[in-house]
Amino acid sequence: ILELSINVTGVFPEFINLSNIKEIAGFESTFIALLNDGTVYGWGNNQSGQITDLSVNWVDEWNPIKIAGLTTIKDIEVVRNTSIFLKTLLNN
């Protein structure tokens, strides 16, 4: 049984409903969640840009944020300070 517990003081993100989550990956204090619709959210340590792209400041995010530009993602992994995303490019 997987139980996800996140303490937030603001609005609790709607997607945290476990039925929307396909997979969760993490390493130390960086976490990403792959949703059933192929989008990805991330939270935690972001010192190397693990959960944001190069256009934003690399600050830690303790509330899950949608990672821009990621759609049709099929698999995720976090290894040290790197997040890895496997995307489907062709429909067969």
C-alpha atoms as a PDB file:
ATOM      1  CA  ILE A   1       0.000   0.000   0.000  1.00  0.00           C
ATOM      2  CA  LEU A   2       1.390   3.365  -1.037  1.00  0.00           C
ATOM      3  CA  GLU A   3       0.602   6.318   1.157  1.00  0.00           C
ATOM      4  CA  LEU A   4       1.586   9.827   0.127  1.00  0.00           C
ATOM      5  CA  SER A   5       1.680  12.442   2.842  1.00  0.00           C
ATOM      6  CA  ILE A   6       2.634  16.041   2.093  1.00  0.00           C
ATOM      7  CA  ASN A   7       2.286  18.878   4.564  1.00  0.00           C
ATOM      8  CA  VAL A   8       1.293  22.136   2.891  1.00  0.00           C
ATOM      9  CA  THR A   9       0.040  25.358   4.392  1.00  0.00           C
ATOM     10  CA  GLY A  10      -1.662  26.696   1.261  1.00  0.00           C
ATOM     11  CA  VAL A  11      -4.028  25.109  -1.199  1.00  0.00           C
ATOM     12  CA  PHE A  12      -3.662  21.337  -1.331  1.00  0.00           C
ATOM     13  CA  PRO A  13      -3.003  20.337  -4.955  1.00  0.00           C
ATOM     14  CA  GLU A  14      -5.957  18.486  -6.424  1.00  0.00           C
ATOM     15  CA  PHE A  15      -3.821  15.928  -8.276  1.00  0.00           C
ATOM     16  CA  ILE A  16      -2.516  14.401  -5.052  1.00  0.00           C
ATOM     17  CA  ASN A  17      -5.464  12.010  -5.212  1.00  0.00           C
ATOM     18  CA  LEU A  18      -3.533   8.750  -5.504  1.00  0.00           C
ATOM     19  CA  SER A  19      -5.860   7.470  -8.220  1.00  0.00           C
ATOM     20  CA  ASN A  20      -4.378  10.153 -10.558  1.00  0.00           C
ATOM     21  CA  ILE A  21      -0.765   9.081  -9.963  1.00  0.00           C
ATOM     22  CA  LYS A  22       0.828   6.396 -12.135  1.00  0.00           C
ATOM     23  CA  GLU A  23       4.324   6.494 -10.606  1.00  0.00           C
ATOM     24  CA  ILE A  24       6.441   8.383  -8.068  1.00  0.00           C
ATOM     25  CA  ALA A  25      10.229   8.600  -8.222  1.00  0.00           C
ATOM     26  CA  GLY A  26      12.646  10.252  -5.852  1.00  0.00           C
ATOM     27  CA  PHE A  27      16.181  10.524  -4.574  1.00  0.00           C
ATOM     28  CA  GLU A  28      17.031  12.053  -1.204  1.00  0.00           C
ATOM     29  CA  SER A  29      14.790  15.166  -1.125  1.00  0.00           C
ATOM     30  CA  THR A  30      13.751  15.479  -4.794  1.00  0.00           C
ATOM     31  CA  PHE A  31      10.492  13.868  -5.921  1.00  0.00           C
ATOM     32  CA  ILE A  32       8.542  13.671  -9.174  1.00  0.00           C
ATOM     33  CA  ALA A  33       5.139  12.179  -9.874  1.00  0.00           C
ATOM     34  CA  LEU A  34       3.921  10.894 -13.241  1.00  0.00           C
ATOM     35  CA  LEU A  35       0.178  11.303 -13.619  1.00  0.00           C
ATOM     36  CA  ASN A  36      -2.038   8.993 -15.647  1.00  0.00           C
ATOM     37  CA  ASP A  37      -2.453  11.719 -18.310  1.00  0.00           C
ATOM     38  CA  GLY A  38       1.327  11.784 -19.022  1.00  0.00           C
ATOM     39  CA  THR A  39       2.061  15.062 -17.212  1.00  0.00           C
ATOM     40  CA  VAL A  40       4.668  15.349 -14.450  1.00  0.00           C
ATOM     41  CA  TYR A  41       4.771  17.260 -11.165  1.00  0.00           C
ATOM     42  CA  GLY A  42       7.820  17.770  -8.995  1.00  0.00           C
ATOM     43  CA  TRP A  43       8.697  18.981  -5.514  1.00  0.00           C
ATOM     44  CA  GLY A  44      11.631  19.138  -3.121  1.00  0.00           C
ATOM     45  CA  ASN A  45      15.281  19.958  -3.664  1.00  0.00           C
ATOM     46  CA  ASN A  46      15.841  21.822  -6.931  1.00  0.00           C
ATOM     47  CA  GLN A  47      19.440  22.995  -6.562  1.00  0.00           C
ATOM     48  CA  SER A  48      20.407  21.555  -9.949  1.00  0.00           C
ATOM     49  CA  GLY A  49      17.138  22.270 -11.757  1.00  0.00           C
ATOM     50  CA  GLN A  50      15.743  18.756 -11.237  1.00  0.00           C
ATOM     51  CA  ILE A  51      12.122  19.966 -11.219  1.00  0.00           C
ATOM     52  CA  THR A  52      12.230  23.133 -13.329  1.00  0.00           C
ATOM     53  CA  ASP A  53      13.608  24.146 -16.682  1.00  0.00           C
ATOM     54  CA  LEU A  54      16.448  26.602 -17.299  1.00  0.00           C
ATOM     55  CA  SER A  55      14.094  29.587 -17.602  1.00  0.00           C
ATOM     56  CA  VAL A  56      13.280  29.825 -13.886  1.00  0.00           C
ATOM     57  CA  ASN A  57      15.286  30.238 -10.715  1.00  0.00           C
ATOM     58  CA  TRP A  58      16.521  27.001  -9.248  1.00  0.00           C
ATOM     59  CA  VAL A  59      14.881  27.283  -5.856  1.00  0.00           C
ATOM     60  CA  ASP A  60      13.512  24.420  -3.800  1.00  0.00           C
ATOM     61  CA  GLU A  61       9.784  23.805  -4.275  1.00  0.00           C
ATOM     62  CA  TRP A  62       8.018  22.097  -1.389  1.00  0.00           C
ATOM     63  CA  ASN A  63       4.566  22.280  -2.969  1.00  0.00           C
ATOM     64  CA  PRO A  64       4.156  20.110  -6.092  1.00  0.00           C
ATOM     65  CA  ILE A  65       4.445  22.113  -9.320  1.00  0.00           C
ATOM     66  CA  LYS A  66       3.637  21.017 -12.857  1.00  0.00           C
ATOM     67  CA  ILE A  67       6.847  20.626 -14.849  1.00  0.00           C
ATOM     68  CA  ALA A  68       6.378  22.738 -17.968  1.00  0.00           C
ATOM     69  CA  GLY A  69       6.560  21.131 -21.394  1.00  0.00           C
ATOM     70  CA  LEU A  70       6.202  17.533 -20.282  1.00  0.00           C
ATOM     71  CA  THR A  71       3.330  15.676 -21.931  1.00  0.00           C
ATOM     72  CA  THR A  72       2.916  12.081 -23.111  1.00  0.00           C
ATOM     73  CA  ILE A  73       5.556  10.982 -20.595  1.00  0.00           C
ATOM     74  CA  LYS A  74       5.627   7.202 -20.128  1.00  0.00           C
ATOM     75  CA  ASP A  75       8.236   6.691 -17.388  1.00  0.00           C
ATOM     76  CA  ILE A  76      10.215   8.731 -14.844  1.00  0.00           C
ATOM     77  CA  GLU A  77      13.335   8.318 -12.713  1.00  0.00           C
ATOM     78  CA  VAL A  78      15.394  10.474 -10.356  1.00  0.00           C
ATOM     79  CA  VAL A  79      19.108   9.700 -10.031  1.00  0.00           C
ATOM     80  CA  ARG A  80      21.118  11.949  -7.716  1.00  0.00           C
ATOM     81  CA  ASN A  81      20.590  15.496  -9.070  1.00  0.00           C
ATOM     82  CA  THR A  82      19.009  14.462 -12.387  1.00  0.00           C
ATOM     83  CA  SER A  83      15.396  13.769 -13.339  1.00  0.00           C
ATOM     84  CA  ILE A  84      14.891  11.463 -16.333  1.00  0.00           C
ATOM     85  CA  PHE A  85      11.716  11.380 -18.463  1.00  0.00           C
ATOM     86  CA  LEU A  86      10.852   8.812 -21.147  1.00  0.00           C
ATOM     87  CA  LYS A  87       8.482  10.278 -23.735  1.00  0.00           C
ATOM     88  CA  THR A  88       6.534   8.669 -26.567  1.00  0.00           C
ATOM     89  CA  LEU A  89       7.287  10.474 -29.831  1.00  0.00           C
ATOM     90  CA  LEU A  90       5.336   8.318 -32.291  1.00  0.00           C
ATOM     91  CA  ASN A  91       1.888   6.799 -32.080  1.00  0.00           C
ATOM     92  CA  ASN A  92       1.987   3.198 -33.274  1.00  0.00           C
END
